[in-house]
Amino acid sequence: MHIREADNETIKHPQVFVEKNGGGEQSSAEASTEQDVDDSVLVKAAQQGEAEAFGVLVDRYHRQIYGLAARMCGPAEADDITQDVFLKALDALRRFQFHGEAGFRTWLYRIGVNTAINELRQRKRSRQIMGPSLDEPVLTDDGPVQRQLSDITEEPYRLTAQNELQQAVNEVLEMLTEKQRTALVMIDLQGLTYEDAAEVLNCPLGTLKSRLVRAREAFAEKFREHEPQLIPDGTT
């Protein structure tokens, strides 16, 4: 995770959480590993200004938030979105905007989902403003002529894809609606339970299940249309 220069002293990745008292003595959490310290303890320490505590939370949930960002917006944007999510979380903790109504993990996922959706909406607006891609042919009196400059917007994303199937899955995910993609990513790809996902999305459990059914149907249909050659024989 790349941290902006101004935040270098704020977000760290320690191996052990040590809470220091005013007299320089260390708390009973000194010998605890990251896994041994409960989220609520780390959150409380982070709200009190302990950078080490927030660093442990970053270590603990970085992979999950990165995975969410990559699935929602593509690998090319995942690093920036992940950093943005943790910076938003840190700012909210400093302002005591987290009150523990939900678990920290759920709260962090909620920030991640909202950040990813905002990125998708901004991307959609940018495409509408910028118009057609630069790699579309130009119509001339002699017929269509290929432009000299190619649109490289998607090249980093394509370079990141490790195999054809993974790339196809990501491309089909982009065809889904925001709600469908979010439900599918959180449950089928991130492995959240129905209950946790419903809490993150702040919607009834029944609504989430119905949304997921529609998302799976839409994904299967679009995948068959988009990449029929990747579907094993007998499943079409």
Protein backbone atom coordinates (compact mmCIF):
# COMPACT_ATOMS: atom_id res chain seq x y z
CA MET A 1 0.00 0.00 0.00
CA HIS A 2 1.48 3.28 -1.05
CA ILE A 3 1.10 6.07 1.49
CA ARG A 4 1.26 9.70 0.57
CA GLU A 5 4.25 11.56 1.96
CA ALA A 6 2.17 13.56 4.43
CA ASP A 7 0.79 10.39 5.97
CA ASN A 8 4.03 8.45 6.34
CA GLU A 9 4.12 9.00 10.08
CA THR A 10 0.45 8.15 10.53
CA ILE A 11 -0.21 4.85 8.82
CA LYS A 12 2.31 2.16 9.68
CA HIS A 13 2.48 -1.61 9.45
CA PRO A 14 3.87 -2.87 12.79
CA GLN A 15 4.13 -6.51 13.76
CA VAL A 16 3.22 -5.94 17.40
CA PHE A 17 0.83 -3.45 18.95
CA VAL A 18 2.35 -1.61 21.90
CA GLU A 19 0.28 0.94 23.80
CA LYS A 20 2.45 3.33 25.79
CA ASN A 21 1.32 5.00 28.99
CA GLY A 22 2.25 8.47 30.07
CA GLY A 23 5.08 7.25 32.25
CA GLY A 24 6.69 5.34 29.42
CA GLU A 25 5.47 1.95 30.70
CA GLN A 26 3.98 -0.48 28.25
CA SER A 27 0.48 -1.88 28.58
CA SER A 28 -0.44 -5.55 28.96
CA ALA A 29 -0.89 -5.66 25.16
CA GLU A 30 2.87 -5.32 24.71
CA ALA A 31 3.50 -9.00 24.11
CA SER A 32 0.37 -9.57 22.05
CA THR A 33 0.57 -10.27 18.36
CA GLU A 34 -1.74 -8.56 15.90
CA GLN A 35 -4.14 -11.52 15.96
CA ASP A 36 -4.36 -11.47 19.76
CA VAL A 37 -5.61 -7.88 20.01
CA ASP A 38 -9.32 -7.30 19.57
CA ASP A 39 -10.46 -4.72 17.02
CA SER A 40 -12.23 -2.68 19.70
CA VAL A 41 -8.97 -2.30 21.66
CA LEU A 42 -7.11 -1.14 18.57
CA VAL A 43 -9.91 1.25 17.57
CA LYS A 44 -9.96 2.85 21.01
CA ALA A 45 -6.18 3.28 20.95
CA ALA A 46 -6.29 4.72 17.43
CA GLN A 47 -8.95 7.23 18.49
CA GLN A 48 -6.59 8.30 21.26
CA GLY A 49 -3.83 9.00 18.74
CA GLU A 50 -1.91 5.71 18.76
CA ALA A 51 -0.54 5.37 15.22
CA GLU A 52 0.72 1.88 15.99
CA ALA A 53 -2.82 0.70 16.72
CA PHE A 54 -4.16 1.95 13.42
CA GLY A 55 -1.22 0.37 11.66
CA VAL A 56 -2.26 -3.01 13.01
CA LEU A 57 -5.79 -2.45 11.69
CA VAL A 58 -4.33 -1.62 8.28
CA ASP A 59 -2.32 -4.84 8.33
CA ARG A 60 -5.35 -6.82 9.41
CA TYR A 61 -7.79 -5.61 6.75
CA HIS A 62 -5.62 -4.39 3.87
CA ARG A 63 -6.02 -7.59 1.83
CA GLN A 64 -9.82 -7.62 2.16
CA ILE A 65 -10.24 -3.96 1.22
CA TYR A 66 -7.80 -4.28 -1.67
CA GLY A 67 -9.73 -7.29 -2.94
CA LEU A 68 -13.00 -5.39 -2.72
CA ALA A 69 -11.53 -2.42 -4.61
CA ALA A 70 -9.99 -4.61 -7.30
CA ARG A 71 -13.23 -6.50 -7.90
CA MET A 72 -15.40 -3.39 -7.89
CA CYS A 73 -13.20 -1.03 -9.92
CA GLY A 74 -10.42 -3.11 -11.47
CA PRO A 75 -6.84 -3.80 -10.34
CA ALA A 76 -5.48 -0.58 -11.86
CA GLU A 77 -7.40 1.52 -9.33
CA ALA A 78 -7.21 -0.84 -6.36
CA ASP A 79 -4.11 0.64 -4.68
CA ASP A 80 -5.43 4.21 -4.76
CA ILE A 81 -8.90 3.21 -3.60
CA THR A 82 -7.49 1.08 -0.77
CA GLN A 83 -5.35 3.96 0.44
CA ASP A 84 -8.31 6.33 0.22
CA VAL A 85 -10.45 3.96 2.30
CA PHE A 86 -7.92 3.72 5.12
CA LEU A 87 -7.29 7.47 5.12
CA LYS A 88 -11.04 8.08 5.37
CA ALA A 89 -11.23 5.57 8.20
CA LEU A 90 -8.35 7.21 10.04
CA ASP A 91 -9.90 10.65 9.69
CA ALA A 92 -13.24 9.34 10.94
CA LEU A 93 -11.60 7.69 13.95
CA ARG A 94 -9.77 10.90 14.80
CA ARG A 95 -13.11 12.73 14.69
CA PHE A 96 -14.73 10.01 16.81
CA GLN A 97 -17.24 9.27 14.05
CA PHE A 98 -17.06 5.53 14.75
CA HIS A 99 -19.19 4.69 17.76
CA GLY A 100 -19.20 0.93 17.62
CA GLU A 101 -22.81 0.44 16.48
CA ALA A 102 -21.36 -2.05 14.00
CA GLY A 103 -18.09 -3.92 14.20
CA PHE A 104 -15.02 -2.18 12.85
CA ARG A 105 -14.74 -4.68 9.98
CA THR A 106 -18.31 -3.99 8.88
CA TRP A 107 -17.80 -0.25 9.21
CA LEU A 108 -14.60 -0.39 7.18
CA TYR A 109 -16.26 -2.45 4.46
CA ARG A 110 -19.03 0.14 4.30
CA ILE A 111 -16.44 2.87 3.66
CA GLY A 112 -14.85 0.63 1.02
CA VAL A 113 -18.12 -0.01 -0.81
CA ASN A 114 -19.08 3.67 -0.79
CA THR A 115 -15.62 4.71 -2.03
CA ALA A 116 -15.71 2.15 -4.83
CA ILE A 117 -19.20 3.18 -5.91
CA ASN A 118 -18.16 6.83 -5.97
CA GLU A 119 -15.21 5.89 -8.19
CA LEU A 120 -17.53 4.02 -10.57
CA ARG A 121 -19.89 6.99 -10.79
CA GLN A 122 -17.07 9.43 -11.42
CA ARG A 123 -15.70 7.11 -14.10
CA LYS A 124 -19.11 6.98 -15.77
CA ARG A 125 -19.44 10.77 -15.73
CA SER A 126 -15.93 11.16 -17.16
CA ARG A 127 -16.75 8.84 -20.03
CA GLN A 128 -19.89 10.82 -20.79
CA ILE A 129 -17.96 14.10 -20.83
CA MET A 130 -14.95 12.84 -22.76
CA GLY A 131 -17.04 11.16 -25.45
CA PRO A 132 -15.84 8.29 -27.65
CA SER A 133 -12.54 6.55 -27.18
CA LEU A 134 -9.56 7.89 -29.11
CA ASP A 135 -8.93 4.52 -30.70
CA GLU A 136 -12.20 4.64 -32.65
CA PRO A 137 -11.68 5.21 -36.40
CA VAL A 138 -12.11 8.68 -37.85
CA LEU A 139 -14.56 8.91 -40.75
CA THR A 140 -13.06 10.63 -43.80
CA ASP A 141 -14.03 11.00 -47.48
CA ASP A 142 -11.83 7.97 -48.19
CA GLY A 143 -13.46 5.87 -45.50
CA PRO A 144 -12.57 5.17 -41.85
CA VAL A 145 -8.98 5.88 -40.82
CA GLN A 146 -7.43 4.62 -37.60
CA ARG A 147 -6.31 7.34 -35.20
CA GLN A 148 -2.59 7.76 -34.57
CA LEU A 149 -3.07 7.83 -30.78
CA SER A 150 -4.55 4.85 -29.03
CA ASP A 151 -6.64 5.01 -25.90
CA ILE A 152 -4.42 3.60 -23.10
CA THR A 153 -7.00 4.05 -20.34
CA GLU A 154 -7.52 0.32 -19.91
CA GLU A 155 -3.97 -0.85 -20.62
CA PRO A 156 -2.78 -0.96 -16.97
CA TYR A 157 -5.89 -2.95 -16.08
CA ARG A 158 -5.29 -5.41 -18.92
CA LEU A 159 -1.62 -5.77 -18.00
CA THR A 160 -2.60 -6.60 -14.44
CA ALA A 161 -4.93 -9.44 -15.39
CA GLN A 162 -3.05 -12.68 -14.84
CA ASN A 163 -5.11 -14.93 -17.05
CA GLU A 164 -7.90 -14.92 -19.57
CA LEU A 165 -10.59 -16.17 -17.23
CA GLN A 166 -9.79 -13.65 -14.51
CA GLN A 167 -9.87 -10.83 -17.04
CA ALA A 168 -13.19 -12.05 -18.41
CA VAL A 169 -14.73 -12.17 -14.91
CA ASN A 170 -13.62 -8.61 -14.18
CA GLU A 171 -14.95 -7.37 -17.51
CA VAL A 172 -18.33 -8.99 -16.98
CA LEU A 173 -18.51 -7.58 -13.45
CA GLU A 174 -18.19 -4.11 -14.98
CA MET A 175 -21.35 -4.77 -16.99
CA LEU A 176 -23.49 -5.27 -13.88
CA THR A 177 -25.33 -2.53 -12.04
CA GLU A 178 -23.73 -1.07 -8.92
CA LYS A 179 -26.07 -2.99 -6.61
CA GLN A 180 -25.63 -6.27 -8.47
CA ARG A 181 -21.86 -5.97 -8.59
CA THR A 182 -21.62 -5.04 -4.92
CA ALA A 183 -23.72 -7.99 -3.78
CA LEU A 184 -21.86 -10.46 -5.99
CA VAL A 185 -18.42 -9.20 -4.99
CA MET A 186 -19.08 -9.12 -1.26
CA ILE A 187 -20.67 -12.57 -0.97
CA ASP A 188 -19.39 -14.71 -3.84
CA LEU A 189 -15.92 -13.21 -4.23
CA GLN A 190 -15.09 -11.72 -0.80
CA GLY A 191 -16.78 -14.47 1.19
CA LEU A 192 -18.88 -12.33 3.53
CA THR A 193 -21.91 -13.95 5.09
CA TYR A 194 -25.38 -12.77 4.08
CA GLU A 195 -25.78 -11.18 7.49
CA ASP A 196 -22.48 -9.28 7.32
CA ALA A 197 -23.10 -8.09 3.76
CA ALA A 198 -26.60 -6.90 4.65
CA GLU A 199 -25.18 -4.97 7.59
CA VAL A 200 -22.48 -3.39 5.42
CA LEU A 201 -25.03 -2.35 2.81
CA ASN A 202 -27.59 -1.36 5.46
CA CYS A 203 -30.38 -3.28 3.78
CA PRO A 204 -32.77 -6.07 4.89
CA LEU A 205 -31.48 -9.62 4.58
CA GLY A 206 -34.29 -10.56 2.20
CA THR A 207 -33.48 -7.63 -0.07
CA LEU A 208 -29.86 -8.65 -0.24
CA LYS A 209 -30.71 -12.26 -1.10
CA SER A 210 -33.06 -11.17 -3.88
CA ARG A 211 -30.43 -8.78 -5.20
CA LEU A 212 -27.83 -11.54 -5.18
CA VAL A 213 -30.09 -13.91 -7.12
CA ARG A 214 -30.59 -11.28 -9.81
CA ALA A 215 -26.87 -10.49 -9.82
CA ARG A 216 -25.92 -14.14 -10.34
CA GLU A 217 -28.44 -14.50 -13.16
CA ALA A 218 -27.23 -11.31 -14.84
CA PHE A 219 -23.60 -12.35 -14.49
CA ALA A 220 -24.23 -15.81 -15.97
CA GLU A 221 -26.14 -14.36 -18.91
CA LYS A 222 -23.57 -11.68 -19.67
CA PHE A 223 -20.69 -14.12 -19.27
CA ARG A 224 -22.26 -16.47 -21.82
CA GLU A 225 -22.61 -13.56 -24.24
CA HIS A 226 -19.19 -12.05 -23.56
CA GLU A 227 -16.95 -15.10 -23.26
CA PRO A 228 -18.79 -18.18 -24.56
CA GLN A 229 -15.50 -19.93 -25.38
CA LEU A 230 -14.57 -19.98 -21.67
CA ILE A 231 -17.69 -21.90 -20.62
CA PRO A 232 -17.08 -25.66 -20.26
CA ASP A 233 -19.06 -27.92 -22.58
CA GLY A 234 -22.48 -28.88 -21.30
CA THR A 235 -23.02 -25.77 -19.14
CA THR A 236 -24.42 -23.39 -21.79
